[in-house]
N, C-alpha and C. Protein backbone atom coordinates (compact mmCIF):
# COMPACT_ATOMS: atom_id res chain seq x y z
N UNK A 1 25.00 -10.90 15.41
CA UNK A 1 24.59 -10.56 14.02
C UNK A 1 25.29 -9.34 13.53
N UNK A 2 25.55 -9.25 12.27
CA UNK A 2 26.12 -8.08 11.74
C UNK A 2 25.07 -7.45 10.67
N UNK A 3 24.78 -6.20 10.65
CA UNK A 3 23.99 -5.66 9.70
C UNK A 3 24.55 -4.24 9.41
N UNK A 4 24.05 -3.73 8.26
CA UNK A 4 24.45 -2.35 7.79
C UNK A 4 23.32 -1.43 7.69
N UNK A 5 23.48 -0.30 8.17
CA UNK A 5 22.47 0.69 8.02
C UNK A 5 22.81 1.74 7.15
N UNK A 6 22.08 2.20 6.20
CA UNK A 6 22.41 3.18 5.28
C UNK A 6 21.44 4.40 5.44
N UNK A 7 21.90 5.56 5.46
CA UNK A 7 21.12 6.79 5.36
C UNK A 7 21.07 7.28 3.96
N UNK A 8 19.83 6.87 3.33
CA UNK A 8 19.71 7.29 1.80
C UNK A 8 19.05 8.66 1.63
N UNK A 9 18.90 9.45 2.68
CA UNK A 9 18.39 10.89 2.49
C UNK A 9 19.19 11.57 1.47
N UNK A 10 18.48 12.17 0.50
CA UNK A 10 19.05 12.90 -0.64
C UNK A 10 19.58 12.08 -1.75
N UNK A 11 19.32 10.81 -1.65
CA UNK A 11 19.80 9.83 -2.72
C UNK A 11 18.76 9.39 -3.49
N UNK A 12 19.01 8.98 -4.86
CA UNK A 12 18.11 8.36 -5.64
C UNK A 12 17.77 6.94 -5.35
N UNK A 13 16.43 6.62 -5.33
CA UNK A 13 15.80 5.36 -4.98
C UNK A 13 15.32 4.53 -6.06
N UNK A 14 15.05 5.13 -7.14
CA UNK A 14 14.21 4.49 -8.26
C UNK A 14 13.98 5.55 -9.34
N UNK A 15 13.22 4.94 -10.46
CA UNK A 15 12.70 5.79 -11.41
C UNK A 15 11.37 5.36 -11.94
N UNK A 16 10.77 6.44 -12.37
CA UNK A 16 9.45 6.22 -13.03
C UNK A 16 9.53 6.32 -14.48
N UNK A 17 9.34 5.42 -15.22
CA UNK A 17 9.31 5.47 -16.68
C UNK A 17 8.19 6.30 -17.18
N UNK A 18 8.54 7.50 -17.72
CA UNK A 18 7.50 8.41 -18.27
C UNK A 18 7.16 8.25 -19.77
N UNK A 19 8.09 7.58 -20.54
CA UNK A 19 7.97 7.39 -21.98
C UNK A 19 8.64 6.01 -22.26
N UNK A 20 8.00 5.13 -22.54
CA UNK A 20 8.65 3.81 -22.73
C UNK A 20 9.53 3.72 -24.08
N UNK A 21 9.36 4.63 -24.98
CA UNK A 21 10.24 4.80 -26.19
C UNK A 21 9.70 3.67 -27.12
N UNK A 22 10.54 3.43 -28.10
CA UNK A 22 10.13 2.43 -29.12
C UNK A 22 11.42 1.92 -29.94
N UNK A 23 11.34 0.62 -30.48
CA UNK A 23 12.39 0.05 -31.35
C UNK A 23 13.51 -0.24 -30.61
N UNK A 24 13.68 -0.45 -29.27
CA UNK A 24 14.86 -0.82 -28.59
C UNK A 24 15.10 -2.37 -28.95
N UNK A 25 16.41 -2.55 -29.21
CA UNK A 25 16.81 -4.07 -29.59
C UNK A 25 17.72 -4.48 -28.43
N UNK A 26 18.16 -3.68 -27.60
CA UNK A 26 18.94 -3.93 -26.45
C UNK A 26 18.80 -2.91 -25.45
N UNK A 27 19.30 -3.20 -24.19
CA UNK A 27 19.06 -2.26 -23.11
C UNK A 27 19.92 -1.04 -23.37
N UNK A 28 19.21 0.15 -23.28
CA UNK A 28 19.96 1.34 -23.51
C UNK A 28 20.80 1.72 -22.31
N UNK A 29 21.74 2.57 -22.34
CA UNK A 29 22.48 3.00 -21.25
C UNK A 29 21.82 4.18 -20.58
N UNK A 30 21.73 4.19 -19.24
CA UNK A 30 21.09 5.34 -18.50
C UNK A 30 22.09 5.97 -17.64
N UNK A 31 22.07 7.23 -17.60
CA UNK A 31 23.04 8.05 -16.86
C UNK A 31 22.32 9.28 -16.25
N UNK A 32 22.76 9.51 -14.90
CA UNK A 32 22.18 10.64 -14.18
C UNK A 32 23.03 11.92 -14.32
N UNK A 33 22.31 13.04 -14.43
CA UNK A 33 23.03 14.17 -14.50
C UNK A 33 23.98 14.60 -13.35
N UNK A 34 23.54 14.23 -12.10
CA UNK A 34 24.49 14.52 -11.07
C UNK A 34 24.30 13.44 -10.02
N UNK A 35 25.15 13.38 -8.93
CA UNK A 35 24.90 12.45 -7.85
C UNK A 35 25.63 11.07 -8.00
N UNK A 36 26.13 10.74 -9.20
CA UNK A 36 26.88 9.54 -9.59
C UNK A 36 26.00 8.24 -9.28
N UNK A 37 24.69 8.29 -9.26
CA UNK A 37 23.94 7.13 -9.13
C UNK A 37 24.09 6.25 -10.46
N UNK A 38 23.90 5.01 -10.41
CA UNK A 38 24.03 3.98 -11.48
C UNK A 38 22.61 3.28 -11.67
N UNK A 39 22.33 3.19 -12.98
CA UNK A 39 20.94 2.63 -13.51
C UNK A 39 21.20 1.53 -14.57
N UNK A 40 20.06 0.61 -14.57
CA UNK A 40 20.10 -0.26 -15.55
C UNK A 40 18.65 -0.35 -16.16
N UNK A 41 18.46 -0.17 -17.44
CA UNK A 41 17.27 -0.27 -18.13
C UNK A 41 16.92 -1.62 -18.48
N UNK A 42 15.65 -2.05 -18.37
CA UNK A 42 15.14 -3.31 -18.79
C UNK A 42 14.22 -3.14 -19.89
N UNK A 43 14.38 -3.90 -21.16
CA UNK A 43 13.62 -3.66 -22.29
C UNK A 43 12.70 -5.01 -22.44
N UNK A 44 11.52 -4.75 -22.51
CA UNK A 44 10.43 -5.73 -22.86
C UNK A 44 10.26 -6.60 -21.56
N UNK A 45 9.31 -7.56 -21.84
CA UNK A 45 9.09 -8.60 -20.75
C UNK A 45 8.11 -8.20 -19.69
N UNK A 46 7.18 -7.19 -19.88
CA UNK A 46 6.20 -6.88 -18.89
C UNK A 46 5.00 -7.70 -19.13
N UNK A 47 4.21 -7.99 -18.19
CA UNK A 47 2.96 -8.70 -18.32
C UNK A 47 1.92 -7.88 -18.74
N UNK A 48 0.92 -8.39 -19.60
CA UNK A 48 -0.16 -7.68 -20.14
C UNK A 48 -1.09 -7.16 -19.00
N UNK A 49 -1.60 -6.03 -18.96
CA UNK A 49 -2.39 -5.39 -18.03
C UNK A 49 -3.73 -6.20 -17.77
N UNK A 50 -4.10 -7.04 -18.66
CA UNK A 50 -5.41 -7.69 -18.53
C UNK A 50 -5.20 -9.27 -18.57
N UNK A 51 -4.74 -9.93 -17.59
CA UNK A 51 -4.55 -11.34 -17.51
C UNK A 51 -5.89 -12.11 -17.95
N UNK A 52 -5.87 -13.26 -18.28
CA UNK A 52 -7.01 -14.04 -18.77
C UNK A 52 -7.39 -15.04 -17.61
N UNK A 53 -8.72 -14.90 -17.29
CA UNK A 53 -9.25 -15.88 -16.36
C UNK A 53 -9.74 -17.01 -17.19
N UNK A 54 -8.80 -18.01 -17.19
CA UNK A 54 -8.95 -19.22 -18.05
C UNK A 54 -10.15 -20.05 -17.63
N UNK A 55 -10.03 -20.26 -16.17
CA UNK A 55 -10.94 -21.13 -15.32
C UNK A 55 -11.32 -20.22 -14.18
N UNK A 56 -12.73 -19.94 -14.02
CA UNK A 56 -13.08 -18.90 -12.93
C UNK A 56 -13.17 -19.77 -11.61
N UNK A 57 -13.06 -21.13 -11.61
CA UNK A 57 -13.04 -21.79 -10.37
C UNK A 57 -14.52 -21.83 -9.73
N UNK A 58 -14.47 -22.47 -8.47
CA UNK A 58 -15.70 -22.54 -7.74
C UNK A 58 -15.43 -22.76 -6.37
N UNK A 59 -16.34 -22.31 -5.55
CA UNK A 59 -16.18 -22.39 -4.12
C UNK A 59 -15.47 -21.21 -3.37
N UNK A 60 -15.27 -20.11 -4.06
CA UNK A 60 -14.46 -18.99 -3.53
C UNK A 60 -15.44 -18.12 -2.61
N UNK A 61 -15.21 -18.00 -1.39
CA UNK A 61 -15.97 -16.98 -0.55
C UNK A 61 -15.01 -15.70 -0.23
N UNK A 62 -13.77 -16.03 -0.34
CA UNK A 62 -12.79 -15.00 0.20
C UNK A 62 -11.77 -15.03 -1.06
N UNK A 63 -11.30 -13.89 -1.25
CA UNK A 63 -10.31 -13.56 -2.48
C UNK A 63 -9.09 -14.31 -2.17
N UNK A 64 -8.71 -15.22 -3.12
CA UNK A 64 -7.56 -16.05 -2.99
C UNK A 64 -6.28 -15.24 -3.17
N UNK A 65 -5.07 -15.60 -2.78
CA UNK A 65 -3.69 -14.94 -3.04
C UNK A 65 -3.16 -15.52 -4.44
N UNK A 66 -2.73 -14.54 -5.19
CA UNK A 66 -2.04 -14.87 -6.52
C UNK A 66 -0.58 -14.65 -6.30
N UNK A 67 0.07 -15.76 -6.69
CA UNK A 67 1.68 -15.76 -6.65
C UNK A 67 1.88 -15.99 -8.21
N UNK A 68 2.88 -14.98 -8.49
CA UNK A 68 3.42 -14.94 -9.90
C UNK A 68 4.81 -15.29 -9.94
N UNK A 69 5.23 -16.32 -10.77
CA UNK A 69 6.56 -16.59 -10.82
C UNK A 69 7.46 -15.43 -11.28
N UNK A 70 8.66 -15.35 -10.58
CA UNK A 70 9.56 -14.18 -10.79
C UNK A 70 10.13 -14.29 -12.21
N UNK A 71 10.62 -13.04 -12.63
CA UNK A 71 11.39 -13.09 -13.96
C UNK A 71 12.83 -13.56 -13.76
N UNK A 72 13.55 -13.79 -14.61
CA UNK A 72 15.06 -14.14 -14.47
C UNK A 72 15.79 -12.92 -13.66
N UNK A 73 16.86 -13.31 -13.04
CA UNK A 73 17.58 -12.37 -12.17
C UNK A 73 17.80 -11.06 -12.91
N UNK A 74 17.60 -9.98 -12.19
CA UNK A 74 17.69 -8.63 -12.75
C UNK A 74 16.38 -8.10 -13.24
N UNK A 75 15.29 -8.83 -13.19
CA UNK A 75 14.09 -8.36 -13.63
C UNK A 75 13.10 -7.92 -12.55
N UNK A 76 12.04 -7.36 -12.86
CA UNK A 76 11.08 -6.72 -11.76
C UNK A 76 9.93 -7.70 -11.65
N UNK A 77 9.67 -8.26 -10.51
CA UNK A 77 8.54 -9.10 -10.40
C UNK A 77 7.19 -8.54 -10.64
N UNK A 78 6.28 -9.20 -11.35
CA UNK A 78 4.86 -8.67 -11.49
C UNK A 78 3.92 -9.07 -10.27
N UNK A 79 3.08 -8.17 -9.96
CA UNK A 79 2.13 -8.33 -8.78
C UNK A 79 0.69 -8.22 -9.37
N UNK A 80 -0.20 -9.05 -8.92
CA UNK A 80 -1.59 -8.95 -9.15
C UNK A 80 -2.42 -9.51 -8.14
N UNK A 81 -3.68 -9.00 -8.09
CA UNK A 81 -4.69 -9.47 -7.08
C UNK A 81 -5.93 -9.88 -7.60
N UNK A 82 -6.73 -10.75 -7.08
CA UNK A 82 -8.14 -11.00 -7.37
C UNK A 82 -8.85 -9.87 -6.99
N UNK A 83 -9.42 -9.11 -7.87
CA UNK A 83 -10.31 -7.85 -7.46
C UNK A 83 -11.82 -8.01 -7.31
N UNK A 84 -12.38 -9.19 -7.93
CA UNK A 84 -13.59 -9.42 -7.66
C UNK A 84 -14.05 -10.88 -7.74
N UNK A 85 -15.03 -11.31 -6.88
CA UNK A 85 -15.53 -12.61 -6.88
C UNK A 85 -17.13 -12.48 -7.03
N UNK A 86 -17.59 -13.52 -7.71
CA UNK A 86 -19.01 -13.42 -7.96
C UNK A 86 -19.54 -14.86 -7.93
N UNK A 87 -20.56 -15.17 -7.18
CA UNK A 87 -21.06 -16.57 -7.00
C UNK A 87 -20.06 -17.60 -6.78
N UNK A 88 -19.06 -17.36 -6.00
CA UNK A 88 -17.96 -18.25 -5.81
C UNK A 88 -16.97 -18.42 -6.87
N UNK A 89 -16.92 -17.48 -7.90
CA UNK A 89 -15.97 -17.66 -8.98
C UNK A 89 -15.15 -16.35 -9.03
N UNK A 90 -13.90 -16.48 -9.50
CA UNK A 90 -13.16 -15.46 -9.85
C UNK A 90 -13.62 -14.69 -11.06
N UNK A 91 -14.03 -13.47 -10.92
CA UNK A 91 -14.43 -12.65 -12.12
C UNK A 91 -13.54 -11.42 -12.39
N UNK A 92 -12.69 -11.14 -11.55
CA UNK A 92 -11.76 -9.94 -11.94
C UNK A 92 -10.27 -10.03 -11.43
N UNK A 93 -9.43 -9.71 -11.98
CA UNK A 93 -8.07 -9.72 -11.62
C UNK A 93 -7.41 -8.31 -11.99
N UNK A 94 -6.67 -7.77 -11.06
CA UNK A 94 -6.08 -6.40 -11.32
C UNK A 94 -4.63 -6.58 -11.15
N UNK A 95 -3.87 -6.12 -12.14
CA UNK A 95 -2.43 -6.13 -12.12
C UNK A 95 -1.99 -4.90 -11.49
N UNK A 96 -1.33 -5.00 -10.44
CA UNK A 96 -0.74 -3.90 -9.65
C UNK A 96 0.67 -3.40 -10.30
N UNK A 97 1.40 -4.26 -10.69
CA UNK A 97 2.70 -3.87 -11.30
C UNK A 97 2.96 -4.90 -12.37
N UNK A 98 3.18 -4.42 -13.68
CA UNK A 98 3.37 -5.36 -14.75
C UNK A 98 4.59 -6.03 -14.82
N UNK A 99 5.49 -5.64 -13.96
CA UNK A 99 6.91 -6.28 -13.84
C UNK A 99 7.74 -5.86 -15.03
N UNK A 100 8.85 -6.48 -15.25
CA UNK A 100 9.84 -6.36 -16.50
C UNK A 100 10.89 -7.33 -16.51
N UNK A 101 11.22 -7.65 -17.64
CA UNK A 101 12.43 -8.59 -17.92
C UNK A 101 11.92 -10.08 -17.96
N UNK A 102 10.68 -10.40 -18.01
CA UNK A 102 10.20 -11.83 -18.34
C UNK A 102 10.63 -12.18 -19.72
N UNK A 103 10.96 -13.51 -19.84
CA UNK A 103 11.32 -13.89 -21.05
C UNK A 103 10.22 -14.94 -21.55
N UNK A 104 9.43 -15.38 -20.74
CA UNK A 104 8.40 -16.15 -21.09
C UNK A 104 7.19 -15.67 -20.20
N UNK A 105 5.90 -15.82 -20.53
CA UNK A 105 4.78 -15.52 -19.69
C UNK A 105 4.73 -16.32 -18.35
N UNK A 106 4.76 -15.70 -17.18
CA UNK A 106 4.98 -16.51 -16.00
C UNK A 106 3.62 -17.23 -15.53
N UNK A 107 3.84 -18.32 -14.77
CA UNK A 107 2.74 -19.09 -14.26
C UNK A 107 2.32 -18.33 -13.16
N UNK A 108 0.79 -18.28 -13.00
CA UNK A 108 0.26 -17.72 -11.84
C UNK A 108 -0.40 -18.93 -10.88
N UNK A 109 0.13 -18.98 -9.71
CA UNK A 109 -0.48 -20.00 -8.73
C UNK A 109 -1.47 -19.28 -7.85
N UNK A 110 -2.59 -19.97 -7.88
CA UNK A 110 -3.86 -19.40 -7.01
C UNK A 110 -3.76 -20.27 -5.68
N UNK A 111 -3.77 -19.27 -4.60
CA UNK A 111 -3.62 -19.98 -3.19
C UNK A 111 -4.88 -19.58 -2.61
N UNK A 112 -5.89 -20.61 -2.44
CA UNK A 112 -7.18 -20.31 -1.93
C UNK A 112 -7.20 -19.81 -0.30
N UNK A 113 -8.09 -18.99 0.05
CA UNK A 113 -8.20 -18.75 1.53
C UNK A 113 -8.52 -20.10 2.21
N UNK A 114 -7.79 -20.35 3.39
CA UNK A 114 -8.11 -21.68 4.07
C UNK A 114 -9.49 -21.81 4.54
N UNK A 115 -10.13 -20.80 4.59
CA UNK A 115 -11.59 -20.92 5.13
C UNK A 115 -12.51 -21.36 3.92
N UNK A 116 -12.10 -21.47 2.79
CA UNK A 116 -13.03 -21.80 1.74
C UNK A 116 -12.78 -23.30 1.23
N UNK A 117 -13.89 -23.84 0.73
CA UNK A 117 -13.92 -25.12 0.27
C UNK A 117 -14.07 -25.05 -1.12
N UNK A 118 -12.87 -25.31 -1.76
CA UNK A 118 -12.78 -25.14 -3.39
C UNK A 118 -13.12 -26.34 -3.90
N UNK A 119 -14.19 -26.20 -4.92
CA UNK A 119 -14.55 -27.46 -5.70
C UNK A 119 -13.95 -27.47 -7.03
N UNK A 120 -13.64 -26.29 -7.54
CA UNK A 120 -12.80 -26.24 -8.73
C UNK A 120 -11.81 -25.04 -8.65
N UNK A 121 -10.55 -25.45 -8.85
CA UNK A 121 -9.46 -24.41 -8.77
C UNK A 121 -9.36 -23.52 -9.98
N UNK A 122 -9.24 -22.18 -9.76
CA UNK A 122 -9.23 -21.22 -10.86
C UNK A 122 -7.96 -21.35 -11.65
N UNK A 123 -7.85 -20.79 -12.79
CA UNK A 123 -6.65 -20.73 -13.65
C UNK A 123 -6.51 -19.40 -14.35
N UNK A 124 -5.52 -18.66 -14.17
CA UNK A 124 -5.06 -17.50 -14.63
C UNK A 124 -3.92 -17.60 -15.49
N UNK A 125 -3.99 -16.97 -16.72
CA UNK A 125 -2.86 -17.02 -17.63
C UNK A 125 -2.57 -15.52 -17.97
N UNK A 126 -1.28 -15.42 -18.34
CA UNK A 126 -0.71 -14.11 -18.54
C UNK A 126 -0.05 -14.11 -20.10
N UNK A 127 0.05 -13.02 -20.61
CA UNK A 127 0.96 -12.81 -21.79
C UNK A 127 1.92 -11.76 -21.68
N UNK A 128 2.85 -11.70 -22.49
CA UNK A 128 3.90 -10.62 -22.35
C UNK A 128 3.58 -9.44 -23.24
N UNK A 129 4.13 -8.28 -22.98
CA UNK A 129 3.92 -7.11 -23.61
C UNK A 129 5.18 -6.31 -23.49
N UNK A 130 5.29 -5.13 -24.25
CA UNK A 130 6.30 -4.27 -24.10
C UNK A 130 7.66 -4.47 -24.86
N UNK A 131 7.48 -5.48 -25.85
CA UNK A 131 8.65 -5.71 -26.71
C UNK A 131 9.20 -4.46 -27.35
N UNK A 132 10.48 -4.23 -27.31
CA UNK A 132 11.16 -3.04 -27.94
C UNK A 132 10.86 -1.79 -27.14
N UNK A 133 10.25 -1.84 -26.02
CA UNK A 133 10.00 -0.66 -25.11
C UNK A 133 10.81 -0.82 -23.73
N UNK A 134 11.06 0.28 -23.07
CA UNK A 134 11.58 0.21 -21.79
C UNK A 134 10.52 0.00 -20.80
N UNK A 135 10.66 -1.10 -20.10
CA UNK A 135 9.65 -1.49 -19.13
C UNK A 135 10.03 -1.18 -17.70
N UNK A 136 11.11 -0.99 -17.47
CA UNK A 136 11.70 -0.51 -16.09
C UNK A 136 13.14 0.05 -16.18
N UNK A 137 13.41 0.87 -15.18
CA UNK A 137 14.70 1.34 -14.94
C UNK A 137 15.00 1.04 -13.58
N UNK A 138 16.04 0.29 -13.29
CA UNK A 138 16.44 0.15 -11.81
C UNK A 138 17.55 0.76 -11.27
N UNK A 139 17.58 1.26 -10.16
CA UNK A 139 18.78 2.02 -9.53
C UNK A 139 19.65 0.97 -8.96
N UNK A 140 20.89 0.72 -9.47
CA UNK A 140 21.75 -0.20 -8.95
C UNK A 140 22.88 0.37 -8.04
N UNK A 141 22.98 1.64 -7.90
CA UNK A 141 23.87 2.28 -6.94
C UNK A 141 23.08 3.71 -6.69
N UNK A 142 22.85 4.06 -5.39
CA UNK A 142 22.11 5.26 -5.07
C UNK A 142 22.88 6.55 -5.20
N UNK A 143 24.21 6.42 -5.45
CA UNK A 143 25.06 7.49 -5.60
C UNK A 143 25.25 8.35 -4.30
N UNK A 144 25.61 9.54 -4.41
CA UNK A 144 25.82 10.58 -3.36
C UNK A 144 24.47 11.49 -3.09
N UNK A 145 24.44 11.94 -1.87
CA UNK A 145 23.21 12.76 -1.53
C UNK A 145 23.24 14.09 -2.25
N UNK A 146 22.02 14.50 -2.69
CA UNK A 146 21.90 15.59 -3.58
C UNK A 146 20.65 16.43 -2.76
N UNK A 147 20.53 17.67 -3.26
CA UNK A 147 19.49 18.47 -2.82
C UNK A 147 18.36 18.81 -3.91
N UNK A 148 18.65 18.34 -5.17
CA UNK A 148 17.80 18.48 -6.27
C UNK A 148 17.70 17.09 -7.04
N UNK A 149 16.60 17.02 -7.63
CA UNK A 149 16.42 15.78 -8.43
C UNK A 149 17.25 15.81 -9.77
N UNK A 150 18.02 14.81 -10.04
CA UNK A 150 18.90 14.89 -11.11
C UNK A 150 17.96 14.28 -12.40
N UNK A 151 18.46 14.53 -13.55
CA UNK A 151 17.71 14.15 -14.76
C UNK A 151 18.38 12.88 -15.25
N UNK A 152 17.69 11.98 -15.88
CA UNK A 152 18.24 10.80 -16.60
C UNK A 152 18.29 10.89 -18.09
N UNK A 153 19.49 10.52 -18.61
CA UNK A 153 19.64 10.45 -19.92
C UNK A 153 19.65 9.06 -20.49
N UNK A 154 18.94 8.71 -21.51
CA UNK A 154 18.80 7.28 -22.01
C UNK A 154 19.26 7.35 -23.48
N UNK A 155 20.34 6.53 -23.73
CA UNK A 155 20.81 6.56 -25.05
C UNK A 155 21.32 5.22 -25.45
N UNK A 156 21.29 5.02 -26.68
CA UNK A 156 21.68 3.68 -27.23
C UNK A 156 20.71 2.62 -27.28
N UNK A 157 20.90 1.44 -27.54
CA UNK A 157 20.05 0.25 -27.55
C UNK A 157 19.11 0.16 -28.77
N UNK A 158 19.50 1.01 -29.73
CA UNK A 158 18.85 0.95 -31.04
C UNK A 158 17.37 1.64 -31.01
N UNK A 159 16.83 2.19 -29.95
CA UNK A 159 15.66 2.82 -29.73
C UNK A 159 15.67 4.22 -29.72
N UNK A 160 14.53 4.83 -29.43
CA UNK A 160 14.44 6.40 -29.22
C UNK A 160 13.30 6.54 -28.27
N UNK A 161 13.35 7.72 -27.73
CA UNK A 161 12.32 8.54 -27.14
C UNK A 161 12.10 8.07 -25.69
N UNK A 162 12.87 7.07 -25.07
CA UNK A 162 12.67 6.69 -23.68
C UNK A 162 12.90 7.75 -22.69
N UNK A 163 12.19 7.80 -21.75
CA UNK A 163 12.43 8.94 -20.60
C UNK A 163 11.99 8.41 -19.35
N UNK A 164 12.53 8.92 -18.26
CA UNK A 164 12.17 8.57 -17.01
C UNK A 164 12.50 9.59 -15.92
N UNK A 165 11.81 9.65 -14.88
CA UNK A 165 12.03 10.61 -13.78
C UNK A 165 12.44 9.92 -12.52
N UNK A 166 13.56 10.54 -11.85
CA UNK A 166 14.15 9.86 -10.66
C UNK A 166 13.25 10.10 -9.53
N UNK A 167 13.20 9.05 -8.74
CA UNK A 167 12.48 9.02 -7.44
C UNK A 167 13.42 9.20 -6.31
N UNK A 168 13.34 10.22 -5.52
CA UNK A 168 14.42 10.69 -4.58
C UNK A 168 13.82 10.42 -3.12
N UNK A 169 14.79 10.27 -2.15
CA UNK A 169 14.52 10.20 -0.75
C UNK A 169 14.87 11.45 -0.17
N UNK A 170 13.93 12.39 0.06
CA UNK A 170 14.27 13.66 0.73
C UNK A 170 13.73 13.76 2.16
N UNK A 171 14.08 12.79 3.02
CA UNK A 171 13.59 12.72 4.40
C UNK A 171 14.50 13.44 5.38
């Protein structure tokens, strides 16, 4: 078997969007101040932070697994969990990561715990949010090792005020 090992110490790993900005009509250009890392901004297509429990279901004793359809290639998948059950029904869902780049609200599949006897399967629906805002910035090339965190410049795309902080690997 062949495999490749990369030492990413001192390299950019990702970015935390600190200001989503507004009025973006296309993905802006993102550039780093040093280290030659490459970035891609994603505009819109995040999942609303409060999904709807359309049907609470019945027969749940253990929290089921939630599988969310992925976004189109290049997007960031959404993740969510069942946070609370009450009297055998789903009463709370927590979105861990809203994702980015969805073009339609994704389907959520509920996978019951095999120990449960489900009499009514629950149904959770989502809605999209973040139109015209930066919902994610993805590192597409880690660049060269650095000893300080570079700054990101976001320009173009028809919008303004987007900002992000680089997440580095300093191990």
